[in-house]
Amino acid sequence: MFLRPALTVALAIASLAPAHAAAPAIDRNARIYSADGTVLGKVDRLLMKGDELTGVQLIFGSKMIVIPADTLTVEESGVKTSLTKKEVRALR
């Protein structure tokens, strides 16, 4: 009888654990497109914090930039950011 309340509490706590969304599968050298369809470059490096993708690094123009992971989606043609070319140009 004592185990039933303990089991109920354990199940309730387990259901409160945050579910982690799977990070998009991004490959090094994948093409990156802006929101307006411009090819920005290719992924040079995946930036990780533990198992979590935080961004991708690429050469854009003559500088190395980082595009945040939360702006990226994987599509059939490559990786797309929700940022426009103008917004990407402003990244440092």
PDB file of N, CA and C in Angstrom:
ATOM      1  N   MET A   1       0.805  -1.206   0.000  1.00  0.00           N
ATOM      2  CA  MET A   1       0.000   0.000   0.000  1.00  0.00           C
ATOM      3  C   MET A   1       0.846   1.267   0.000  1.00  0.00           C
ATOM      4  N   PHE A   2       1.990   1.209   0.707  1.00  0.00           N
ATOM      5  CA  PHE A   2       2.852   2.375   0.777  1.00  0.00           C
ATOM      6  C   PHE A   2       3.493   2.689  -0.580  1.00  0.00           C
ATOM      7  N   LEU A   3       3.732   1.679  -1.393  1.00  0.00           N
ATOM      8  CA  LEU A   3       4.400   1.884  -2.678  1.00  0.00           C
ATOM      9  C   LEU A   3       3.538   2.626  -3.691  1.00  0.00           C
ATOM     10  N   ARG A   4       2.243   2.473  -3.605  1.00  0.00           N
ATOM     11  CA  ARG A   4       1.362   3.120  -4.579  1.00  0.00           C
ATOM     12  C   ARG A   4       1.495   4.645  -4.534  1.00  0.00           C
ATOM     13  N   PRO A   5       1.416   5.312  -3.370  1.00  0.00           N
ATOM     14  CA  PRO A   5       1.592   6.771  -3.362  1.00  0.00           C
ATOM     15  C   PRO A   5       2.996   7.184  -3.821  1.00  0.00           C
ATOM     16  N   ALA A   6       4.006   6.407  -3.428  1.00  0.00           N
ATOM     17  CA  ALA A   6       5.374   6.738  -3.838  1.00  0.00           C
ATOM     18  C   ALA A   6       5.521   6.615  -5.352  1.00  0.00           C
ATOM     19  N   LEU A   7       4.920   5.596  -5.935  1.00  0.00           N
ATOM     20  CA  LEU A   7       4.970   5.413  -7.380  1.00  0.00           C
ATOM     21  C   LEU A   7       4.238   6.545  -8.091  1.00  0.00           C
ATOM     22  N   THR A   8       3.117   6.959  -7.552  1.00  0.00           N
ATOM     23  CA  THR A   8       2.349   8.056  -8.133  1.00  0.00           C
ATOM     24  C   THR A   8       3.170   9.339  -8.143  1.00  0.00           C
ATOM     25  N   VAL A   9       3.856   9.620  -7.037  1.00  0.00           N
ATOM     26  CA  VAL A   9       4.690  10.821  -6.950  1.00  0.00           C
ATOM     27  C   VAL A   9       5.852  10.727  -7.943  1.00  0.00           C
ATOM     28  N   ALA A  10       6.479   9.565  -8.032  1.00  0.00           N
ATOM     29  CA  ALA A  10       7.602   9.386  -8.953  1.00  0.00           C
ATOM     30  C   ALA A  10       7.165   9.597 -10.401  1.00  0.00           C
ATOM     31  N   LEU A  11       6.012   9.084 -10.765  1.00  0.00           N
ATOM     32  CA  LEU A  11       5.507   9.263 -12.129  1.00  0.00           C
ATOM     33  C   LEU A  11       5.166  10.721 -12.405  1.00  0.00           C
ATOM     34  N   ALA A  12       4.619  11.401 -11.408  1.00  0.00           N
ATOM     35  CA  ALA A  12       4.280  12.816 -11.574  1.00  0.00           C
ATOM     36  C   ALA A  12       5.539  13.648 -11.793  1.00  0.00           C
ATOM     37  N   ILE A  13       6.583  13.359 -11.028  1.00  0.00           N
ATOM     38  CA  ILE A  13       7.838  14.096 -11.177  1.00  0.00           C
ATOM     39  C   ILE A  13       8.460  13.814 -12.543  1.00  0.00           C
ATOM     40  N   ALA A  14       8.442  12.579 -12.976  1.00  0.00           N
ATOM     41  CA  ALA A  14       9.018  12.214 -14.271  1.00  0.00           C
ATOM     42  C   ALA A  14       8.300  12.913 -15.418  1.00  0.00           C
ATOM     43  N   SER A  15       7.007  13.111 -15.278  1.00  0.00           N
ATOM     44  CA  SER A  15       6.253  13.752 -16.355  1.00  0.00           C
ATOM     45  C   SER A  15       6.541  15.243 -16.436  1.00  0.00           C
ATOM     46  N   LEU A  16       7.138  15.822 -15.378  1.00  0.00           N
ATOM     47  CA  LEU A  16       7.471  17.237 -15.390  1.00  0.00           C
ATOM     48  C   LEU A  16       8.826  17.520 -16.028  1.00  0.00           C
ATOM     49  N   ALA A  17       9.612  16.494 -16.279  1.00  0.00           N
ATOM     50  CA  ALA A  17      10.935  16.679 -16.873  1.00  0.00           C
ATOM     51  C   ALA A  17      10.785  17.268 -18.268  1.00  0.00           C
ATOM     52  N   PRO A  18      11.588  18.284 -18.584  1.00  0.00           N
ATOM     53  CA  PRO A  18      11.449  18.906 -19.907  1.00  0.00           C
ATOM     54  C   PRO A  18      11.857  17.956 -21.020  1.00  0.00           C
ATOM     55  N   ALA A  19      11.104  18.003 -22.078  1.00  0.00           N
ATOM     56  CA  ALA A  19      11.444  17.191 -23.256  1.00  0.00           C
ATOM     57  C   ALA A  19      12.368  18.023 -24.129  1.00  0.00           C
ATOM     58  N   HIS A  20      13.466  17.465 -24.561  1.00  0.00           N
ATOM     59  CA  HIS A  20      14.401  18.183 -25.414  1.00  0.00           C
ATOM     60  C   HIS A  20      14.080  17.895 -26.868  1.00  0.00           C
ATOM     61  N   ALA A  21      13.964  18.971 -27.627  1.00  0.00           N
ATOM     62  CA  ALA A  21      13.740  18.805 -29.059  1.00  0.00           C
ATOM     63  C   ALA A  21      15.039  18.342 -29.704  1.00  0.00           C
ATOM     64  N   ALA A  22      14.907  17.483 -30.651  1.00  0.00           N
ATOM     65  CA  ALA A  22      16.094  16.984 -31.347  1.00  0.00           C
ATOM     66  C   ALA A  22      16.696  18.106 -32.183  1.00  0.00           C
ATOM     67  N   ALA A  23      17.991  18.248 -32.094  1.00  0.00           N
ATOM     68  CA  ALA A  23      18.685  19.259 -32.885  1.00  0.00           C
ATOM     69  C   ALA A  23      18.643  18.852 -34.355  1.00  0.00           C
ATOM     70  N   PRO A  24      18.515  19.844 -35.235  1.00  0.00           N
ATOM     71  CA  PRO A  24      18.512  19.495 -36.648  1.00  0.00           C
ATOM     72  C   PRO A  24      19.825  18.839 -37.045  1.00  0.00           C
ATOM     73  N   ALA A  25      19.763  17.881 -37.942  1.00  0.00           N
ATOM     74  CA  ALA A  25      20.967  17.172 -38.392  1.00  0.00           C
ATOM     75  C   ALA A  25      21.664  18.023 -39.445  1.00  0.00           C
ATOM     76  N   ILE A  26      22.686  18.742 -39.025  1.00  0.00           N
ATOM     77  CA  ILE A  26      23.422  19.627 -39.919  1.00  0.00           C
ATOM     78  C   ILE A  26      24.814  19.056 -40.117  1.00  0.00           C
ATOM     79  N   ASP A  27      25.210  18.926 -41.361  1.00  0.00           N
ATOM     80  CA  ASP A  27      26.527  18.389 -41.688  1.00  0.00           C
ATOM     81  C   ASP A  27      27.504  19.522 -41.980  1.00  0.00           C
ATOM     82  N   ARG A  28      28.756  19.280 -41.653  1.00  0.00           N
ATOM     83  CA  ARG A  28      29.807  20.211 -42.027  1.00  0.00           C
ATOM     84  C   ARG A  28      29.835  20.260 -43.556  1.00  0.00           C
ATOM     85  N   ASN A  29      30.052  21.411 -44.105  1.00  0.00           N
ATOM     86  CA  ASN A  29      30.068  21.685 -45.548  1.00  0.00           C
ATOM     87  C   ASN A  29      28.682  21.787 -46.168  1.00  0.00           C
ATOM     88  N   ALA A  30      27.622  21.703 -45.363  1.00  0.00           N
ATOM     89  CA  ALA A  30      26.270  21.891 -45.902  1.00  0.00           C
ATOM     90  C   ALA A  30      26.104  23.353 -46.323  1.00  0.00           C
ATOM     91  N   ARG A  31      25.412  23.581 -47.414  1.00  0.00           N
ATOM     92  CA  ARG A  31      25.138  24.953 -47.859  1.00  0.00           C
ATOM     93  C   ARG A  31      24.136  25.607 -46.921  1.00  0.00           C
ATOM     94  N   ILE A  32      24.344  26.895 -46.682  1.00  0.00           N
ATOM     95  CA  ILE A  32      23.427  27.670 -45.848  1.00  0.00           C
ATOM     96  C   ILE A  32      22.808  28.763 -46.705  1.00  0.00           C
ATOM     97  N   TYR A  33      21.476  28.852 -46.629  1.00  0.00           N
ATOM     98  CA  TYR A  33      20.713  29.845 -47.377  1.00  0.00           C
ATOM     99  C   TYR A  33      20.085  30.842 -46.413  1.00  0.00           C
ATOM    100  N   SER A  34      19.985  32.093 -46.849  1.00  0.00           N
ATOM    101  CA  SER A  34      19.307  33.111 -46.052  1.00  0.00           C
ATOM    102  C   SER A  34      17.798  32.981 -46.236  1.00  0.00           C
ATOM    103  N   ALA A  35      17.056  33.733 -45.437  1.00  0.00           N
ATOM    104  CA  ALA A  35      15.593  33.717 -45.538  1.00  0.00           C
ATOM    105  C   ALA A  35      15.132  34.202 -46.909  1.00  0.00           C
ATOM    106  N   ASP A  36      15.932  35.056 -47.543  1.00  0.00           N
ATOM    107  CA  ASP A  36      15.565  35.546 -48.868  1.00  0.00           C
ATOM    108  C   ASP A  36      16.172  34.728 -50.007  1.00  0.00           C
ATOM    109  N   GLY A  37      16.728  33.537 -49.675  1.00  0.00           N
ATOM    110  CA  GLY A  37      17.162  32.585 -50.693  1.00  0.00           C
ATOM    111  C   GLY A  37      18.595  32.701 -51.176  1.00  0.00           C
ATOM    112  N   THR A  38      19.357  33.616 -50.620  1.00  0.00           N
ATOM    113  CA  THR A  38      20.754  33.793 -51.020  1.00  0.00           C
ATOM    114  C   THR A  38      21.631  32.705 -50.409  1.00  0.00           C
ATOM    115  N   VAL A  39      22.542  32.151 -51.207  1.00  0.00           N
ATOM    116  CA  VAL A  39      23.519  31.203 -50.658  1.00  0.00           C
ATOM    117  C   VAL A  39      24.524  32.017 -49.854  1.00  0.00           C
ATOM    118  N   LEU A  40      24.626  31.705 -48.559  1.00  0.00           N
ATOM    119  CA  LEU A  40      25.529  32.447 -47.679  1.00  0.00           C
ATOM    120  C   LEU A  40      26.917  31.824 -47.624  1.00  0.00           C
ATOM    121  N   GLY A  41      26.980  30.515 -47.795  1.00  0.00           N
ATOM    122  CA  GLY A  41      28.252  29.811 -47.708  1.00  0.00           C
ATOM    123  C   GLY A  41      28.023  28.381 -47.285  1.00  0.00           C
ATOM    124  N   LYS A  42      29.077  27.768 -46.753  1.00  0.00           N
ATOM    125  CA  LYS A  42      28.994  26.386 -46.277  1.00  0.00           C
ATOM    126  C   LYS A  42      29.386  26.332 -44.808  1.00  0.00           C
ATOM    127  N   VAL A  43      28.798  25.400 -44.088  1.00  0.00           N
ATOM    128  CA  VAL A  43      29.109  25.224 -42.671  1.00  0.00           C
ATOM    129  C   VAL A  43      30.581  24.855 -42.537  1.00  0.00           C
ATOM    130  N   ASP A  44      31.308  25.647 -41.765  1.00  0.00           N
ATOM    131  CA  ASP A  44      32.711  25.356 -41.501  1.00  0.00           C
ATOM    132  C   ASP A  44      32.856  24.577 -40.193  1.00  0.00           C
ATOM    133  N   ARG A  45      32.053  24.951 -39.198  1.00  0.00           N
ATOM    134  CA  ARG A  45      32.146  24.306 -37.889  1.00  0.00           C
ATOM    135  C   ARG A  45      30.781  24.314 -37.202  1.00  0.00           C
ATOM    136  N   LEU A  46      30.472  23.208 -36.540  1.00  0.00           N
ATOM    137  CA  LEU A  46      29.273  23.121 -35.711  1.00  0.00           C
ATOM    138  C   LEU A  46      29.669  23.522 -34.300  1.00  0.00           C
ATOM    139  N   LEU A  47      28.956  24.454 -33.709  1.00  0.00           N
ATOM    140  CA  LEU A  47      29.251  24.904 -32.356  1.00  0.00           C
ATOM    141  C   LEU A  47      28.309  24.200 -31.391  1.00  0.00           C
ATOM    142  N   MET A  48      28.897  23.486 -30.450  1.00  0.00           N
ATOM    143  CA  MET A  48      28.126  22.657 -29.532  1.00  0.00           C
ATOM    144  C   MET A  48      28.377  23.090 -28.091  1.00  0.00           C
ATOM    145  N   LYS A  49      27.352  22.942 -27.266  1.00  0.00           N
ATOM    146  CA  LYS A  49      27.475  23.082 -25.815  1.00  0.00           C
ATOM    147  C   LYS A  49      26.941  21.774 -25.258  1.00  0.00           C
ATOM    148  N   GLY A  50      27.850  20.866 -24.922  1.00  0.00           N
ATOM    149  CA  GLY A  50      27.444  19.514 -24.556  1.00  0.00           C
ATOM    150  C   GLY A  50      26.909  18.822 -25.796  1.00  0.00           C
ATOM    151  N   ASP A  51      25.678  18.332 -25.717  1.00  0.00           N
ATOM    152  CA  ASP A  51      25.033  17.677 -26.859  1.00  0.00           C
ATOM    153  C   ASP A  51      24.158  18.630 -27.661  1.00  0.00           C
ATOM    154  N   GLU A  52      24.137  19.898 -27.279  1.00  0.00           N
ATOM    155  CA  GLU A  52      23.224  20.857 -27.895  1.00  0.00           C
ATOM    156  C   GLU A  52      23.945  21.726 -28.922  1.00  0.00           C
ATOM    157  N   LEU A  53      23.374  21.804 -30.116  1.00  0.00           N
ATOM    158  CA  LEU A  53      23.903  22.677 -31.157  1.00  0.00           C
ATOM    159  C   LEU A  53      23.533  24.112 -30.804  1.00  0.00           C
ATOM    160  N   THR A  54      24.532  24.997 -30.716  1.00  0.00           N
ATOM    161  CA  THR A  54      24.263  26.393 -30.388  1.00  0.00           C
ATOM    162  C   THR A  54      24.377  27.307 -31.602  1.00  0.00           C
ATOM    163  N   GLY A  55      25.085  26.854 -32.627  1.00  0.00           N
ATOM    164  CA  GLY A  55      25.237  27.664 -33.819  1.00  0.00           C
ATOM    165  C   GLY A  55      26.131  26.987 -34.834  1.00  0.00           C
ATOM    166  N   VAL A  56      26.233  27.619 -35.987  1.00  0.00           N
ATOM    167  CA  VAL A  56      27.154  27.146 -37.016  1.00  0.00           C
ATOM    168  C   VAL A  56      28.054  28.303 -37.408  1.00  0.00           C
ATOM    169  N   GLN A  57      29.280  27.967 -37.707  1.00  0.00           N
ATOM    170  CA  GLN A  57      30.260  28.966 -38.101  1.00  0.00           C
ATOM    171  C   GLN A  57      30.529  28.814 -39.592  1.00  0.00           C
ATOM    172  N   LEU A  58      30.619  29.939 -40.288  1.00  0.00           N
ATOM    173  CA  LEU A  58      30.923  29.907 -41.706  1.00  0.00           C
ATOM    174  C   LEU A  58      31.657  31.164 -42.110  1.00  0.00           C
ATOM    175  N   ILE A  59      32.302  31.104 -43.247  1.00  0.00           N
ATOM    176  CA  ILE A  59      32.950  32.288 -43.797  1.00  0.00           C
ATOM    177  C   ILE A  59      31.931  32.973 -44.691  1.00  0.00           C
ATOM    178  N   PHE A  60      31.660  34.238 -44.382  1.00  0.00           N
ATOM    179  CA  PHE A  60      30.708  35.028 -45.158  1.00  0.00           C
ATOM    180  C   PHE A  60      31.439  36.286 -45.599  1.00  0.00           C
ATOM    181  N   GLY A  61      31.598  36.435 -46.898  1.00  0.00           N
ATOM    182  CA  GLY A  61      32.425  37.534 -47.393  1.00  0.00           C
ATOM    183  C   GLY A  61      33.862  37.236 -47.007  1.00  0.00           C
ATOM    184  N   SER A  62      34.438  38.099 -46.214  1.00  0.00           N
ATOM    185  CA  SER A  62      35.823  37.882 -45.775  1.00  0.00           C
ATOM    186  C   SER A  62      35.926  37.675 -44.270  1.00  0.00           C
ATOM    187  N   LYS A  63      34.783  37.425 -43.610  1.00  0.00           N
ATOM    188  CA  LYS A  63      34.854  37.242 -42.162  1.00  0.00           C
ATOM    189  C   LYS A  63      34.151  35.969 -41.714  1.00  0.00           C
ATOM    190  N   MET A  64      34.600  35.476 -40.574  1.00  0.00           N
ATOM    191  CA  MET A  64      34.000  34.293 -39.960  1.00  0.00           C
ATOM    192  C   MET A  64      32.820  34.774 -39.117  1.00  0.00           C
ATOM    193  N   ILE A  65      31.647  34.189 -39.348  1.00  0.00           N
ATOM    194  CA  ILE A  65      30.462  34.569 -38.574  1.00  0.00           C
ATOM    195  C   ILE A  65      29.843  33.326 -37.948  1.00  0.00           C
ATOM    196  N   VAL A  66      28.996  33.566 -36.950  1.00  0.00           N
ATOM    197  CA  VAL A  66      28.251  32.494 -36.296  1.00  0.00           C
ATOM    198  C   VAL A  66      26.769  32.781 -36.477  1.00  0.00           C
ATOM    199  N   ILE A  67      26.051  31.795 -36.988  1.00  0.00           N
ATOM    200  CA  ILE A  67      24.597  31.896 -37.114  1.00  0.00           C
ATOM    201  C   ILE A  67      23.992  31.051 -35.999  1.00  0.00           C
ATOM    202  N   PRO A  68      23.137  31.656 -35.162  1.00  0.00           N
ATOM    203  CA  PRO A  68      22.548  30.923 -34.034  1.00  0.00           C
ATOM    204  C   PRO A  68      21.696  29.738 -34.499  1.00  0.00           C
ATOM    205  N   ALA A  69      21.782  28.650 -33.750  1.00  0.00           N
ATOM    206  CA  ALA A  69      21.062  27.420 -34.104  1.00  0.00           C
ATOM    207  C   ALA A  69      19.553  27.616 -34.112  1.00  0.00           C
ATOM    208  N   ASP A  70      19.046  28.501 -33.245  1.00  0.00           N
ATOM    209  CA  ASP A  70      17.590  28.659 -33.184  1.00  0.00           C
ATOM    210  C   ASP A  70      17.016  29.352 -34.414  1.00  0.00           C
ATOM    211  N   THR A  71      17.878  29.795 -35.329  1.00  0.00           N
ATOM    212  CA  THR A  71      17.399  30.388 -36.583  1.00  0.00           C
ATOM    213  C   THR A  71      17.481  29.412 -37.749  1.00  0.00           C
ATOM    214  N   LEU A  72      17.965  28.194 -37.497  1.00  0.00           N
ATOM    215  CA  LEU A  72      18.253  27.242 -38.571  1.00  0.00           C
ATOM    216  C   LEU A  72      17.194  26.160 -38.722  1.00  0.00           C
ATOM    217  N   THR A  73      16.926  25.801 -39.959  1.00  0.00           N
ATOM    218  CA  THR A  73      16.102  24.636 -40.273  1.00  0.00           C
ATOM    219  C   THR A  73      16.805  23.869 -41.391  1.00  0.00           C
ATOM    220  N   VAL A  74      16.630  22.562 -41.362  1.00  0.00           N
ATOM    221  CA  VAL A  74      17.240  21.726 -42.392  1.00  0.00           C
ATOM    222  C   VAL A  74      16.195  21.459 -43.465  1.00  0.00           C
ATOM    223  N   GLU A  75      16.558  21.749 -44.699  1.00  0.00           N
ATOM    224  CA  GLU A  75      15.676  21.518 -45.835  1.00  0.00           C
ATOM    225  C   GLU A  75      16.386  20.608 -46.825  1.00  0.00           C
ATOM    226  N   GLU A  76      15.674  20.184 -47.830  1.00  0.00           N
ATOM    227  CA  GLU A  76      16.235  19.279 -48.831  1.00  0.00           C
ATOM    228  C   GLU A  76      17.457  19.881 -49.529  1.00  0.00           C
ATOM    229  N   SER A  77      17.411  21.172 -49.781  1.00  0.00           N
ATOM    230  CA  SER A  77      18.499  21.840 -50.504  1.00  0.00           C
ATOM    231  C   SER A  77      19.675  22.224 -49.610  1.00  0.00           C
ATOM    232  N   GLY A  78      19.504  22.138 -48.309  1.00  0.00           N
ATOM    233  CA  GLY A  78      20.565  22.522 -47.380  1.00  0.00           C
ATOM    234  C   GLY A  78      19.985  23.064 -46.092  1.00  0.00           C
ATOM    235  N   VAL A  79      20.718  23.978 -45.485  1.00  0.00           N
ATOM    236  CA  VAL A  79      20.308  24.571 -44.214  1.00  0.00           C
ATOM    237  C   VAL A  79      19.820  25.986 -44.495  1.00  0.00           C
ATOM    238  N   LYS A  80      18.706  26.354 -43.890  1.00  0.00           N
ATOM    239  CA  LYS A  80      18.154  27.690 -44.102  1.00  0.00           C
ATOM    240  C   LYS A  80      18.075  28.411 -42.770  1.00  0.00           C
ATOM    241  N   THR A  81      18.468  29.680 -42.768  1.00  0.00           N
ATOM    242  CA  THR A  81      18.325  30.512 -41.588  1.00  0.00           C
ATOM    243  C   THR A  81      17.128  31.433 -41.778  1.00  0.00           C
ATOM    244  N   SER A  82      16.523  31.827 -40.683  1.00  0.00           N
ATOM    245  CA  SER A  82      15.398  32.760 -40.753  1.00  0.00           C
ATOM    246  C   SER A  82      15.896  34.201 -40.898  1.00  0.00           C
ATOM    247  N   LEU A  83      17.212  34.382 -40.912  1.00  0.00           N
ATOM    248  CA  LEU A  83      17.807  35.708 -41.077  1.00  0.00           C
ATOM    249  C   LEU A  83      17.960  36.045 -42.561  1.00  0.00           C
ATOM    250  N   THR A  84      17.774  37.313 -42.887  1.00  0.00           N
ATOM    251  CA  THR A  84      18.005  37.762 -44.262  1.00  0.00           C
ATOM    252  C   THR A  84      19.504  37.973 -44.479  1.00  0.00           C
ATOM    253  N   LYS A  85      19.894  38.156 -45.724  1.00  0.00           N
ATOM    254  CA  LYS A  85      21.304  38.403 -46.032  1.00  0.00           C
ATOM    255  C   LYS A  85      21.780  39.671 -45.326  1.00  0.00           C
ATOM    256  N   LYS A  86      20.938  40.672 -45.274  1.00  0.00           N
ATOM    257  CA  LYS A  86      21.287  41.932 -44.609  1.00  0.00           C
ATOM    258  C   LYS A  86      21.518  41.705 -43.113  1.00  0.00           C
ATOM    259  N   GLU A  87      20.669  40.893 -42.480  1.00  0.00           N
ATOM    260  CA  GLU A  87      20.836  40.593 -41.053  1.00  0.00           C
ATOM    261  C   GLU A  87      22.103  39.773 -40.806  1.00  0.00           C
ATOM    262  N   VAL A  88      22.397  38.843 -41.701  1.00  0.00           N
ATOM    263  CA  VAL A  88      23.610  38.028 -41.572  1.00  0.00           C
ATOM    264  C   VAL A  88      24.843  38.914 -41.718  1.00  0.00           C
ATOM    265  N   ARG A  89      24.796  39.868 -42.626  1.00  0.00           N
ATOM    266  CA  ARG A  89      25.921  40.773 -42.837  1.00  0.00           C
ATOM    267  C   ARG A  89      26.251  41.550 -41.556  1.00  0.00           C
ATOM    268  N   ALA A  90      25.248  41.795 -40.720  1.00  0.00           N
ATOM    269  CA  ALA A  90      25.447  42.554 -39.477  1.00  0.00           C
ATOM    270  C   ALA A  90      26.003  41.697 -38.338  1.00  0.00           C
ATOM    271  N   LEU A  91      26.031  40.373 -38.506  1.00  0.00           N
ATOM    272  CA  LEU A  91      26.551  39.498 -37.448  1.00  0.00           C
ATOM    273  C   LEU A  91      28.055  39.674 -37.313  1.00  0.00           C
ATOM    274  N   ARG A  92      28.543  39.476 -36.113  1.00  0.00           N
ATOM    275  CA  ARG A  92      30.001  39.565 -35.858  1.00  0.00           C
ATOM    276  C   ARG A  92      30.495  38.260 -35.337  1.00  0.00           C
TER     277      ARG A  92
END
